PDB file of N, CA and C in Angstrom:
ATOM      1  N   UNK A   1       0.338  -1.185   0.097  1.00  0.00           N
ATOM      2  CA  UNK A   1       0.011  -0.257  -0.170  1.00  0.00           C
ATOM      3  C   UNK A   1       0.790   1.043   0.258  1.00  0.00           C
ATOM      4  N   UNK A   2       0.357   2.339  -1.144  1.00  0.00           N
ATOM      5  CA  UNK A   2       1.774   3.054  -0.631  1.00  0.00           C
ATOM      6  C   UNK A   2       1.373   4.220   0.212  1.00  0.00           C
ATOM      7  N   UNK A   3       2.008   5.380   0.810  1.00  0.00           N
ATOM      8  CA  UNK A   3       1.656   6.394   1.497  1.00  0.00           C
ATOM      9  C   UNK A   3       0.340   7.007   1.625  1.00  0.00           C
ATOM     10  N   UNK A   4      -0.101   7.314   0.511  1.00  0.00           N
ATOM     11  CA  UNK A   4      -0.871   7.706   0.553  1.00  0.00           C
ATOM     12  C   UNK A   4      -2.364   7.119   0.550  1.00  0.00           C
ATOM     13  N   UNK A   5      -2.299   6.396   0.678  1.00  0.00           N
ATOM     14  CA  UNK A   5      -3.749   5.645   0.945  1.00  0.00           C
ATOM     15  C   UNK A   5      -3.397   5.154   2.229  1.00  0.00           C
ATOM     16  N   UNK A   6      -2.078   4.928   3.147  1.00  0.00           N
ATOM     17  CA  UNK A   6      -2.117   4.508   3.907  1.00  0.00           C
ATOM     18  C   UNK A   6      -2.605   5.802   5.106  1.00  0.00           C
ATOM     19  N   UNK A   7      -2.408   6.709   5.063  1.00  0.00           N
ATOM     20  CA  UNK A   7      -2.432   8.371   5.349  1.00  0.00           C
ATOM     21  C   UNK A   7      -4.197   8.408   5.476  1.00  0.00           C
ATOM     22  N   UNK A   8      -4.558   8.280   4.265  1.00  0.00           N
ATOM     23  CA  UNK A   8      -6.186   8.067   4.084  1.00  0.00           C
ATOM     24  C   UNK A   8      -6.909   7.000   5.218  1.00  0.00           C
ATOM     25  N   UNK A   9      -6.599   5.659   5.318  1.00  0.00           N
ATOM     26  CA  UNK A   9      -7.031   4.602   6.053  1.00  0.00           C
ATOM     27  C   UNK A   9      -6.842   5.251   7.910  1.00  0.00           C
ATOM     28  N   UNK A  10      -5.487   5.557   8.179  1.00  0.00           N
ATOM     29  CA  UNK A  10      -5.522   5.776   9.556  1.00  0.00           C
ATOM     30  C   UNK A  10      -6.257   7.111   9.600  1.00  0.00           C
ATOM     31  N   UNK A  11      -6.663   8.240   8.447  1.00  0.00           N
ATOM     32  CA  UNK A  11      -7.194   9.501   9.293  1.00  0.00           C
ATOM     33  C   UNK A  11      -8.564   8.921   9.127  1.00  0.00           C
ATOM     34  N   UNK A  12      -9.280   8.463   8.103  1.00  0.00           N
ATOM     35  CA  UNK A  12     -10.308   7.880   8.718  1.00  0.00           C
ATOM     36  C   UNK A  12     -11.047   6.855   9.622  1.00  0.00           C
ATOM     37  N   UNK A  13     -10.083   5.862   9.582  1.00  0.00           N
ATOM     38  CA  UNK A  13      -9.909   4.912  10.928  1.00  0.00           C
ATOM     39  C   UNK A  13     -10.242   5.866  12.167  1.00  0.00           C
ATOM     40  N   UNK A  14      -9.105   6.971  12.064  1.00  0.00           N
ATOM     41  CA  UNK A  14      -9.196   7.504  13.256  1.00  0.00           C
ATOM     42  C   UNK A  14     -10.460   8.430  13.846  1.00  0.00           C
ATOM     43  N   UNK A  15     -10.695   9.153  12.811  1.00  0.00           N
ATOM     44  CA  UNK A  15     -11.933   9.914  12.564  1.00  0.00           C
ATOM     45  C   UNK A  15     -13.302   8.968  12.992  1.00  0.00           C
ATOM     46  N   UNK A  16     -13.834   7.597  12.762  1.00  0.00           N
ATOM     47  CA  UNK A  16     -14.862   6.959  12.998  1.00  0.00           C
ATOM     48  C   UNK A  16     -14.545   6.635  14.509  1.00  0.00           C
ATOM     49  N   UNK A  17     -13.780   6.218  14.990  1.00  0.00           N
ATOM     50  CA  UNK A  17     -13.237   6.095  16.514  1.00  0.00           C
ATOM     51  C   UNK A  17     -13.504   7.021  17.516  1.00  0.00           C
ATOM     52  N   UNK A  18     -13.131   8.205  17.303  1.00  0.00           N
ATOM     53  CA  UNK A  18     -13.662   9.631  17.681  1.00  0.00           C
ATOM     54  C   UNK A  18     -14.615   9.421  17.662  1.00  0.00           C
ATOM     55  N   UNK A  19     -15.274   9.632  16.663  1.00  0.00           N
ATOM     56  CA  UNK A  19     -16.744   9.873  15.962  1.00  0.00           C
ATOM     57  C   UNK A  19     -17.417   8.945  17.100  1.00  0.00           C
ATOM     58  N   UNK A  20     -17.249   7.404  17.248  1.00  0.00           N
ATOM     59  CA  UNK A  20     -18.087   6.701  17.990  1.00  0.00           C
ATOM     60  C   UNK A  20     -18.363   6.822  19.620  1.00  0.00           C
ATOM     61  N   UNK A  21     -16.522   7.180  19.743  1.00  0.00           N
ATOM     62  CA  UNK A  21     -16.282   7.371  21.481  1.00  0.00           C
ATOM     63  C   UNK A  21     -16.971   8.847  22.047  1.00  0.00           C
ATOM     64  N   UNK A  22     -16.976   9.742  20.861  1.00  0.00           N
ATOM     65  CA  UNK A  22     -17.997  10.849  21.569  1.00  0.00           C
ATOM     66  C   UNK A  22     -19.042  10.820  21.631  1.00  0.00           C
ATOM     67  N   UNK A  23     -19.871   9.710  20.981  1.00  0.00           N
ATOM     68  CA  UNK A  23     -21.497   9.491  20.916  1.00  0.00           C
ATOM     69  C   UNK A  23     -21.566   8.927  21.504  1.00  0.00           C
ATOM     70  N   UNK A  24     -21.115   7.833  22.162  1.00  0.00           N
ATOM     71  CA  UNK A  24     -21.471   6.895  23.708  1.00  0.00           C
ATOM     72  C   UNK A  24     -20.856   7.272  24.851  1.00  0.00           C
ATOM     73  N   UNK A  25     -19.826   8.200  25.196  1.00  0.00           N
ATOM     74  CA  UNK A  25     -19.001   8.263  25.917  1.00  0.00           C
ATOM     75  C   UNK A  25     -19.178   9.281  27.294  1.00  0.00           C
ATOM     76  N   UNK A  26     -20.397  10.446  26.537  1.00  0.00           N
ATOM     77  CA  UNK A  26     -20.467  11.271  27.822  1.00  0.00           C
ATOM     78  C   UNK A  26     -22.080  10.523  28.437  1.00  0.00           C
ATOM     79  N   UNK A  27     -22.296  11.081  30.140  1.00  0.00           N
ATOM     80  CA  UNK A  27     -23.216  11.274  30.254  1.00  0.00           C
ATOM     81  C   UNK A  27     -24.699  11.450  30.430  1.00  0.00           C
ATOM     82  N   UNK A  28     -25.897  10.572  29.994  1.00  0.00           N
ATOM     83  CA  UNK A  28     -26.858  11.451  29.602  1.00  0.00           C
ATOM     84  C   UNK A  28     -27.623  11.183  30.246  1.00  0.00           C
ATOM     85  N   UNK A  29     -27.287  12.312  31.792  1.00  0.00           N
ATOM     86  CA  UNK A  29     -28.181  12.399  32.381  1.00  0.00           C
ATOM     87  C   UNK A  29     -29.009  13.564  32.707  1.00  0.00           C
ATOM     88  N   UNK A  30     -29.546  14.995  32.143  1.00  0.00           N
ATOM     89  CA  UNK A  30     -30.065  15.955  32.384  1.00  0.00           C
ATOM     90  C   UNK A  30     -30.847  15.728  33.591  1.00  0.00           C
ATOM     91  N   UNK A  31     -31.016  16.816  34.242  1.00  0.00           N
ATOM     92  CA  UNK A  31     -31.491  17.623  35.499  1.00  0.00           C
ATOM     93  C   UNK A  31     -32.199  19.119  34.975  1.00  0.00           C
ATOM     94  N   UNK A  32     -33.141  19.331  36.079  1.00  0.00           N
ATOM     95  CA  UNK A  32     -33.456  20.580  36.050  1.00  0.00           C
ATOM     96  C   UNK A  32     -32.056  21.872  35.574  1.00  0.00           C
ATOM     97  N   UNK A  33     -31.427  21.784  36.339  1.00  0.00           N
ATOM     98  CA  UNK A  33     -30.630  22.706  36.633  1.00  0.00           C
ATOM     99  C   UNK A  33     -29.512  22.656  34.447  1.00  0.00           C
ATOM    100  N   UNK A  34     -29.703  21.439  34.899  1.00  0.00           N
ATOM    101  CA  UNK A  34     -28.879  21.348  33.053  1.00  0.00           C
ATOM    102  C   UNK A  34     -29.576  21.678  32.059  1.00  0.00           C
ATOM    103  N   UNK A  35     -31.014  22.099  32.460  1.00  0.00           N
ATOM    104  CA  UNK A  35     -31.475  22.165  31.179  1.00  0.00           C
ATOM    105  C   UNK A  35     -32.334  23.418  31.073  1.00  0.00           C
ATOM    106  N   UNK A  36     -32.041  23.903  32.585  1.00  0.00           N
ATOM    107  CA  UNK A  36     -32.052  25.590  32.459  1.00  0.00           C
ATOM    108  C   UNK A  36     -31.177  26.310  31.551  1.00  0.00           C
ATOM    109  N   UNK A  37     -31.795  27.472  30.712  1.00  0.00           N
ATOM    110  CA  UNK A  37     -30.553  28.325  29.949  1.00  0.00           C
ATOM    111  C   UNK A  37     -29.832  29.044  30.576  1.00  0.00           C
ATOM    112  N   UNK A  38     -29.745  29.331  32.259  1.00  0.00           N
ATOM    113  CA  UNK A  38     -28.734  29.677  32.961  1.00  0.00           C
ATOM    114  C   UNK A  38     -28.363  28.754  33.867  1.00  0.00           C
ATOM    115  N   UNK A  39     -27.020  28.008  33.899  1.00  0.00           N
ATOM    116  CA  UNK A  39     -27.007  27.352  35.003  1.00  0.00           C
ATOM    117  C   UNK A  39     -25.774  27.722  36.280  1.00  0.00           C
ATOM    118  N   UNK A  40     -26.284  28.938  36.771  1.00  0.00           N
ATOM    119  CA  UNK A  40     -25.446  30.135  37.473  1.00  0.00           C
ATOM    120  C   UNK A  40     -26.113  29.726  38.821  1.00  0.00           C
ATOM    121  N   UNK A  41     -27.388  29.372  39.101  1.00  0.00           N
ATOM    122  CA  UNK A  41     -28.225  29.010  40.165  1.00  0.00           C
ATOM    123  C   UNK A  41     -28.900  30.166  40.569  1.00  0.00           C
ATOM    124  N   UNK A  42     -29.106  31.359  39.556  1.00  0.00           N
ATOM    125  CA  UNK A  42     -30.521  32.036  39.365  1.00  0.00           C
ATOM    126  C   UNK A  42     -31.044  32.497  38.495  1.00  0.00           C
ATOM    127  N   UNK A  43     -32.690  32.549  38.637  1.00  0.00           N
ATOM    128  CA  UNK A  43     -33.076  33.081  37.537  1.00  0.00           C
ATOM    129  C   UNK A  43     -32.935  34.270  36.857  1.00  0.00           C
ATOM    130  N   UNK A  44     -33.040  34.248  35.805  1.00  0.00           N
ATOM    131  CA  UNK A  44     -32.471  36.004  35.052  1.00  0.00           C
ATOM    132  C   UNK A  44     -33.819  37.198  35.043  1.00  0.00           C
ATOM    133  N   UNK A  45     -32.929  38.057  35.416  1.00  0.00           N
ATOM    134  CA  UNK A  45     -33.990  38.891  35.918  1.00  0.00           C
ATOM    135  C   UNK A  45     -34.163  39.615  34.464  1.00  0.00           C
ATOM    136  N   UNK A  46     -33.358  40.181  33.808  1.00  0.00           N
ATOM    137  CA  UNK A  46     -34.048  41.068  32.616  1.00  0.00           C
ATOM    138  C   UNK A  46     -33.540  39.981  30.994  1.00  0.00           C
ATOM    139  N   UNK A  47     -34.127  40.634  29.844  1.00  0.00           N
ATOM    140  CA  UNK A  47     -33.402  39.847  28.398  1.00  0.00           C
ATOM    141  C   UNK A  47     -32.683  39.785  28.476  1.00  0.00           C
ATOM    142  N   UNK A  48     -31.851  38.452  27.815  1.00  0.00           N
ATOM    143  CA  UNK A  48     -30.371  38.542  27.651  1.00  0.00           C
ATOM    144  C   UNK A  48     -30.075  39.118  26.144  1.00  0.00           C
ATOM    145  N   UNK A  49     -31.076  39.528  25.336  1.00  0.00           N
ATOM    146  CA  UNK A  49     -30.966  40.447  24.299  1.00  0.00           C
ATOM    147  C   UNK A  49     -30.461  41.573  24.400  1.00  0.00           C
ATOM    148  N   UNK A  50     -29.644  41.639  24.724  1.00  0.00           N
ATOM    149  CA  UNK A  50     -28.734  43.323  24.906  1.00  0.00           C
ATOM    150  C   UNK A  50     -28.105  43.696  23.168  1.00  0.00           C
ATOM    151  N   UNK A  51     -28.821  45.056  22.833  1.00  0.00           N
ATOM    152  CA  UNK A  51     -28.053  45.389  21.618  1.00  0.00           C
ATOM    153  C   UNK A  51     -26.583  45.452  21.388  1.00  0.00           C
ATOM    154  N   UNK A  52     -25.990  45.117  20.415  1.00  0.00           N
ATOM    155  CA  UNK A  52     -24.941  45.127  20.292  1.00  0.00           C
ATOM    156  C   UNK A  52     -24.248  47.248  19.700  1.00  0.00           C
ATOM    157  N   UNK A  53     -23.445  47.517  19.857  1.00  0.00           N
ATOM    158  CA  UNK A  53     -23.144  48.934  19.581  1.00  0.00           C
ATOM    159  C   UNK A  53     -22.671  48.896  17.728  1.00  0.00           C
ATOM    160  N   UNK A  54     -22.960  49.354  16.846  1.00  0.00           N
ATOM    161  CA  UNK A  54     -22.508  49.351  15.786  1.00  0.00           C
ATOM    162  C   UNK A  54     -21.179  49.186  15.918  1.00  0.00           C
ATOM    163  N   UNK A  55     -20.686  50.355  15.914  1.00  0.00           N
ATOM    164  CA  UNK A  55     -19.317  50.315  16.613  1.00  0.00           C
ATOM    165  C   UNK A  55     -18.250  48.892  16.628  1.00  0.00           C
ATOM    166  N   UNK A  56     -18.714  47.989  17.328  1.00  0.00           N
ATOM    167  CA  UNK A  56     -18.354  46.907  17.902  1.00  0.00           C
ATOM    168  C   UNK A  56     -17.901  46.070  16.031  1.00  0.00           C
ATOM    169  N   UNK A  57     -19.430  46.185  15.611  1.00  0.00           N
ATOM    170  CA  UNK A  57     -18.854  45.044  14.651  1.00  0.00           C
ATOM    171  C   UNK A  57     -17.948  46.355  13.336  1.00  0.00           C
ATOM    172  N   UNK A  58     -18.049  47.472  13.292  1.00  0.00           N
ATOM    173  CA  UNK A  58     -17.128  48.188  12.759  1.00  0.00           C
ATOM    174  C   UNK A  58     -16.005  47.992  12.925  1.00  0.00           C
ATOM    175  N   UNK A  59     -15.309  47.467  14.344  1.00  0.00           N
ATOM    176  CA  UNK A  59     -13.654  47.210  14.328  1.00  0.00           C
ATOM    177  C   UNK A  59     -13.860  46.067  14.467  1.00  0.00           C
ATOM    178  N   UNK A  60     -14.947  44.947  14.335  1.00  0.00           N
ATOM    179  CA  UNK A  60     -14.092  43.741  13.501  1.00  0.00           C
ATOM    180  C   UNK A  60     -14.328  43.805  12.027  1.00  0.00           C
ATOM    181  N   UNK A  61     -15.227  44.485  11.865  1.00  0.00           N
ATOM    182  CA  UNK A  61     -14.850  44.144   9.974  1.00  0.00           C
ATOM    183  C   UNK A  61     -13.804  44.473   9.820  1.00  0.00           C
ATOM    184  N   UNK A  62     -13.239  45.731  10.627  1.00  0.00           N
ATOM    185  CA  UNK A  62     -11.762  46.391   9.894  1.00  0.00           C
ATOM    186  C   UNK A  62     -10.747  45.375  10.371  1.00  0.00           C
ATOM    187  N   UNK A  63     -10.819  44.489  11.327  1.00  0.00           N
ATOM    188  CA  UNK A  63      -9.922  43.329  12.334  1.00  0.00           C
ATOM    189  C   UNK A  63      -9.722  42.568  11.245  1.00  0.00           C
ATOM    190  N   UNK A  64     -10.807  42.205  10.520  1.00  0.00           N
ATOM    191  CA  UNK A  64     -11.018  41.148   9.626  1.00  0.00           C
ATOM    192  C   UNK A  64     -10.664  41.560   7.917  1.00  0.00           C
ATOM    193  N   UNK A  65     -10.622  42.809   7.908  1.00  0.00           N
ATOM    194  CA  UNK A  65     -10.436  43.301   6.405  1.00  0.00           C
ATOM    195  C   UNK A  65      -8.301  43.274   6.325  1.00  0.00           C
ATOM    196  N   UNK A  66      -7.928  43.983   7.665  1.00  0.00           N
ATOM    197  CA  UNK A  66      -6.751  43.888   8.050  1.00  0.00           C
ATOM    198  C   UNK A  66      -5.933  42.786   8.548  1.00  0.00           C
ATOM    199  N   UNK A  67      -6.540  41.545   8.770  1.00  0.00           N
ATOM    200  CA  UNK A  67      -6.024  40.272   8.448  1.00  0.00           C
ATOM    201  C   UNK A  67      -6.452  39.512   7.265  1.00  0.00           C
ATOM    202  N   UNK A  68      -7.512  39.934   6.878  1.00  0.00           N
ATOM    203  CA  UNK A  68      -6.940  39.648   4.913  1.00  0.00           C
ATOM    204  C   UNK A  68      -6.141  40.107   4.004  1.00  0.00           C
ATOM    205  N   UNK A  69      -5.662  41.316   4.603  1.00  0.00           N
ATOM    206  CA  UNK A  69      -5.040  41.992   4.287  1.00  0.00           C
ATOM    207  C   UNK A  69      -3.586  41.276   4.265  1.00  0.00           C
ATOM    208  N   UNK A  70      -3.156  40.897   5.797  1.00  0.00           N
ATOM    209  CA  UNK A  70      -2.113  39.950   5.719  1.00  0.00           C
ATOM    210  C   UNK A  70      -1.368  39.013   4.764  1.00  0.00           C
ATOM    211  N   UNK A  71      -3.043  38.193   4.617  1.00  0.00           N
ATOM    212  CA  UNK A  71      -3.279  36.674   4.314  1.00  0.00           C
ATOM    213  C   UNK A  71      -2.658  37.291   2.295  1.00  0.00           C
ATOM    214  N   UNK A  72      -3.055  38.516   1.994  1.00  0.00           N
ATOM    215  CA  UNK A  72      -2.663  38.823   0.725  1.00  0.00           C
ATOM    216  C   UNK A  72      -1.458  39.251   0.850  1.00  0.00           C
ATOM    217  N   UNK A  73      -0.855  39.669   1.660  1.00  0.00           N
ATOM    218  CA  UNK A  73       0.315  40.027   1.002  1.00  0.00           C
ATOM    219  C   UNK A  73       1.852  39.269   1.822  1.00  0.00           C
ATOM    220  N   UNK A  74       0.734  38.472   2.376  1.00  0.00           N
ATOM    221  CA  UNK A  74       1.788  36.808   2.508  1.00  0.00           C
ATOM    222  C   UNK A  74       2.647  36.381   1.831  1.00  0.00           C
ATOM    223  N   UNK A  75       2.722  36.010   0.774  1.00  0.00           N
ATOM    224  CA  UNK A  75       3.375  35.913  -0.442  1.00  0.00           C
ATOM    225  C   UNK A  75       3.976  36.482  -1.300  1.00  0.00           C
ATOM    226  N   UNK A  76       3.856  37.378  -0.748  1.00  0.00           N
ATOM    227  CA  UNK A  76       4.237  38.853  -1.418  1.00  0.00           C
ATOM    228  C   UNK A  76       6.216  38.655  -1.939  1.00  0.00           C
ATOM    229  N   UNK A  77       6.878  37.900  -0.671  1.00  0.00           N
ATOM    230  CA  UNK A  77       8.397  37.996  -0.707  1.00  0.00           C
ATOM    231  C   UNK A  77       8.735  37.181  -1.940  1.00  0.00           C
ATOM    232  N   UNK A  78       8.070  36.120  -2.001  1.00  0.00           N
ATOM    233  CA  UNK A  78       8.103  35.151  -3.348  1.00  0.00           C
ATOM    234  C   UNK A  78       7.759  35.867  -4.674  1.00  0.00           C
ATOM    235  N   UNK A  79       7.025  37.258  -4.588  1.00  0.00           N
ATOM    236  CA  UNK A  79       6.527  37.303  -5.836  1.00  0.00           C
ATOM    237  C   UNK A  79       8.377  37.784  -6.688  1.00  0.00           C
ATOM    238  N   UNK A  80       8.770  38.373  -5.870  1.00  0.00           N
ATOM    239  CA  UNK A  80      10.228  38.488  -6.845  1.00  0.00           C
ATOM    240  C   UNK A  80      11.056  37.404  -8.260  1.00  0.00           C
ATOM    241  N   UNK A  81      10.233  36.236  -7.586  1.00  0.00           N
ATOM    242  CA  UNK A  81      10.736  35.391  -7.983  1.00  0.00           C
ATOM    243  C   UNK A  81       9.832  35.321  -9.777  1.00  0.00           C
ATOM    244  N   UNK A  82       8.656  35.972  -9.592  1.00  0.00           N
ATOM    245  CA  UNK A  82       7.401  35.727 -10.589  1.00  0.00           C
ATOM    246  C   UNK A  82       8.417  36.817 -12.391  1.00  0.00           C
ATOM    247  N   UNK A  83       8.057  36.580 -13.470  1.00  0.00           N
ATOM    248  CA  UNK A  83       8.982  37.363 -14.633  1.00  0.00           C
ATOM    249  C   UNK A  83       8.532  38.382 -14.338  1.00  0.00           C
ATOM    250  N   UNK A  84       7.583  39.006 -13.638  1.00  0.00           N
ATOM    251  CA  UNK A  84       7.394  40.432 -13.470  1.00  0.00           C
ATOM    252  C   UNK A  84       7.540  41.209 -11.871  1.00  0.00           C
ATOM    253  N   UNK A  85       8.536  41.051 -11.311  1.00  0.00           N
ATOM    254  CA  UNK A  85       8.203  41.407  -9.721  1.00  0.00           C
ATOM    255  C   UNK A  85       7.395  42.750  -9.693  1.00  0.00           C
ATOM    256  N   UNK A  86       7.823  43.672 -10.715  1.00  0.00           N
ATOM    257  CA  UNK A  86       6.986  45.333 -10.784  1.00  0.00           C
ATOM    258  C   UNK A  86       5.607  45.122 -10.569  1.00  0.00           C
ATOM    259  N   UNK A  87       5.243  44.430 -11.253  1.00  0.00           N
ATOM    260  CA  UNK A  87       3.095  44.186 -11.294  1.00  0.00           C
ATOM    261  C   UNK A  87       3.249  43.824  -9.938  1.00  0.00           C
ATOM    262  N   UNK A  88       3.945  42.610  -8.821  1.00  0.00           N
ATOM    263  CA  UNK A  88       3.771  42.225  -8.030  1.00  0.00           C
ATOM    264  C   UNK A  88       3.494  43.290  -7.128  1.00  0.00           C
ATOM    265  N   UNK A  89       4.456  44.380  -7.373  1.00  0.00           N
ATOM    266  CA  UNK A  89       4.927  44.909  -6.468  1.00  0.00           C
ATOM    267  C   UNK A  89       4.157  46.256  -6.196  1.00  0.00           C
ATOM    268  N   UNK A  90       3.527  46.602  -7.555  1.00  0.00           N
ATOM    269  CA  UNK A  90       1.853  47.632  -7.829  1.00  0.00           C
ATOM    270  C   UNK A  90       1.005  47.088  -7.393  1.00  0.00           C
ATOM    271  N   UNK A  91       0.690  45.920  -7.321  1.00  0.00           N
ATOM    272  CA  UNK A  91      -0.636  45.263  -7.011  1.00  0.00           C
ATOM    273  C   UNK A  91      -0.661  45.341  -5.396  1.00  0.00           C
ATOM    274  N   UNK A  92       0.313  44.914  -4.765  1.00  0.00           N
ATOM    275  CA  UNK A  92       0.583  45.154  -3.381  1.00  0.00           C
ATOM    276  C   UNK A  92       0.425  46.024  -2.823  1.00  0.00           C
ATOM    277  N   UNK A  93       1.059  47.282  -3.363  1.00  0.00           N
ATOM    278  CA  UNK A  93       1.233  48.968  -3.323  1.00  0.00           C
ATOM    279  C   UNK A  93      -0.616  49.388  -3.174  1.00  0.00           C
ATOM    280  N   UNK A  94      -0.978  49.074  -4.465  1.00  0.00           N
ATOM    281  CA  UNK A  94      -2.310  49.406  -4.387  1.00  0.00           C
ATOM    282  C   UNK A  94      -3.248  48.785  -3.265  1.00  0.00           C
ATOM    283  N   UNK A  95      -3.182  47.644  -2.932  1.00  0.00           N
ATOM    284  CA  UNK A  95      -3.815  47.132  -2.072  1.00  0.00           C
ATOM    285  C   UNK A  95      -3.718  47.705  -0.436  1.00  0.00           C
ATOM    286  N   UNK A  96      -2.099  48.028  -0.562  1.00  0.00           N
ATOM    287  CA  UNK A  96      -2.439  49.026   0.887  1.00  0.00           C
ATOM    288  C   UNK A  96      -2.311  50.310   1.298  1.00  0.00           C
ATOM    289  N   UNK A  97      -2.252  51.142  -0.499  1.00  0.00           N
ATOM    290  CA  UNK A  97      -2.693  51.984  -0.433  1.00  0.00           C
ATOM    291  C   UNK A  97      -4.039  52.315  -0.631  1.00  0.00           C
ATOM    292  N   UNK A  98      -5.077  51.287  -0.698  1.00  0.00           N
ATOM    293  CA  UNK A  98      -6.559  51.933  -0.949  1.00  0.00           C
ATOM    294  C   UNK A  98      -7.206  51.292   0.728  1.00  0.00           C
ATOM    295  N   UNK A  99      -6.488  50.663   1.232  1.00  0.00           N
ATOM    296  CA  UNK A  99      -6.921  49.681   2.699  1.00  0.00           C
ATOM    297  C   UNK A  99      -6.499  51.194   3.870  1.00  0.00           C
ATOM    298  N   UNK A 100      -5.035  51.651   3.561  1.00  0.00           N
ATOM    299  CA  UNK A 100      -4.772  52.703   3.864  1.00  0.00           C
ATOM    300  C   UNK A 100      -5.891  53.989   4.111  1.00  0.00           C
ATOM    301  N   UNK A 101      -6.255  54.622   2.701  1.00  0.00           N
ATOM    302  CA  UNK A 101      -6.866  55.767   2.330  1.00  0.00           C
ATOM    303  C   UNK A 101      -8.482  55.615   3.016  1.00  0.00           C
ATOM    304  N   UNK A 102      -9.331  54.004   3.720  1.00  0.00           N
ATOM    305  CA  UNK A 102     -10.355  53.479   3.797  1.00  0.00           C
ATOM    306  C   UNK A 102     -10.169  53.472   5.207  1.00  0.00           C
ATOM    307  N   UNK A 103      -9.104  52.956   6.084  1.00  0.00           N
ATOM    308  CA  UNK A 103      -8.491  53.600   7.404  1.00  0.00           C
ATOM    309  C   UNK A 103      -8.572  55.437   7.847  1.00  0.00           C
ATOM    310  N   UNK A 104      -8.359  55.785   7.154  1.00  0.00           N
ATOM    311  CA  UNK A 104      -7.913  57.433   7.508  1.00  0.00           C
ATOM    312  C   UNK A 104      -9.495  58.189   7.410  1.00  0.00           C
ATOM    313  N   UNK A 105      -9.710  57.547   5.972  1.00  0.00           N
ATOM    314  CA  UNK A 105     -11.359  58.344   5.796  1.00  0.00           C
ATOM    315  C   UNK A 105     -12.466  57.869   7.182  1.00  0.00           C
ATOM    316  N   UNK A 106     -12.251  56.346   8.080  1.00  0.00           N
ATOM    317  CA  UNK A 106     -12.745  55.863   9.239  1.00  0.00           C
ATOM    318  C   UNK A 106     -12.567  57.039  10.372  1.00  0.00           C
ATOM    319  N   UNK A 107     -11.220  57.029  10.119  1.00  0.00           N
ATOM    320  CA  UNK A 107     -10.563  57.741  11.543  1.00  0.00           C
ATOM    321  C   UNK A 107     -11.567  59.273  11.411  1.00  0.00           C
ATOM    322  N   UNK A 108     -11.435  59.911  10.356  1.00  0.00           N
ATOM    323  CA  UNK A 108     -11.587  61.359  10.023  1.00  0.00           C
ATOM    324  C   UNK A 108     -12.979  61.452   9.840  1.00  0.00           C
ATOM    325  N   UNK A 109     -13.927  60.652   9.828  1.00  0.00           N
ATOM    326  CA  UNK A 109     -15.527  60.374  10.170  1.00  0.00           C
ATOM    327  C   UNK A 109     -15.835  60.081  11.367  1.00  0.00           C
ATOM    328  N   UNK A 110     -15.075  59.743  12.457  1.00  0.00           N
ATOM    329  CA  UNK A 110     -15.127  59.468  13.799  1.00  0.00           C
ATOM    330  C   UNK A 110     -15.528  58.099  14.185  1.00  0.00           C
ATOM    331  N   UNK A 111     -15.497  57.295  13.119  1.00  0.00           N
ATOM    332  CA  UNK A 111     -15.989  55.777  13.362  1.00  0.00           C
ATOM    333  C   UNK A 111     -15.361  54.500  13.848  1.00  0.00           C
ATOM    334  N   UNK A 112     -14.151  55.535  14.460  1.00  0.00           N
ATOM    335  CA  UNK A 112     -13.473  54.783  15.239  1.00  0.00           C
ATOM    336  C   UNK A 112     -13.192  55.122  17.106  1.00  0.00           C
ATOM    337  N   UNK A 113     -13.921  56.299  16.723  1.00  0.00           N
ATOM    338  CA  UNK A 113     -14.024  56.635  18.297  1.00  0.00           C
ATOM    339  C   UNK A 113     -15.068  55.924  19.170  1.00  0.00           C
ATOM    340  N   UNK A 114     -14.990  55.777  20.631  1.00  0.00           N
ATOM    341  CA  UNK A 114     -15.752  54.396  21.410  1.00  0.00           C
ATOM    342  C   UNK A 114     -16.487  55.451  22.217  1.00  0.00           C
ATOM    343  N   UNK A 115     -16.092  56.655  22.675  1.00  0.00           N
ATOM    344  CA  UNK A 115     -17.110  57.731  23.139  1.00  0.00           C
ATOM    345  C   UNK A 115     -17.705  58.909  22.121  1.00  0.00           C
ATOM    346  N   UNK A 116     -18.945  59.138  22.660  1.00  0.00           N
ATOM    347  CA  UNK A 116     -19.817  60.213  21.643  1.00  0.00           C
ATOM    348  C   UNK A 116     -19.777  61.445  22.292  1.00  0.00           C
TER     349      UNK A 116
END
C-alpha cells in the first residue's frame, strides 16, 4: 500500500473511532439545572438580548479586513521570483494604499471613536 492510501486509512479510522467514542462516552442524565438556560443558580431578571453597538461590528470588520490584507500580502516575498516582480509590487502597493485610505477616512469620520 502506498503512503497516501495509508494516511487516508489511518485518518478515516481515527475519525470513525473518535466519533463513536464521543457519541457513547458522555453521560446522558439531564436534570433541571442542566436544562435551564442559565446554570449559575439564579433566575434571569431581564432579557438576555442586549443590543450590540454598531461600532463593535465596525472594529470587527476592520480587524477582518486587515487580517485579510496580511493573508494577501504574505506571498509577496516570493513574488520577486515571478517574470515581472514590478507588477506584483504595484498590486501589493495598490492594496495597501486602498486600505490605508479607507482607514484614514474612517478615522476622520469618527467611526473609530468609542466615546460619543
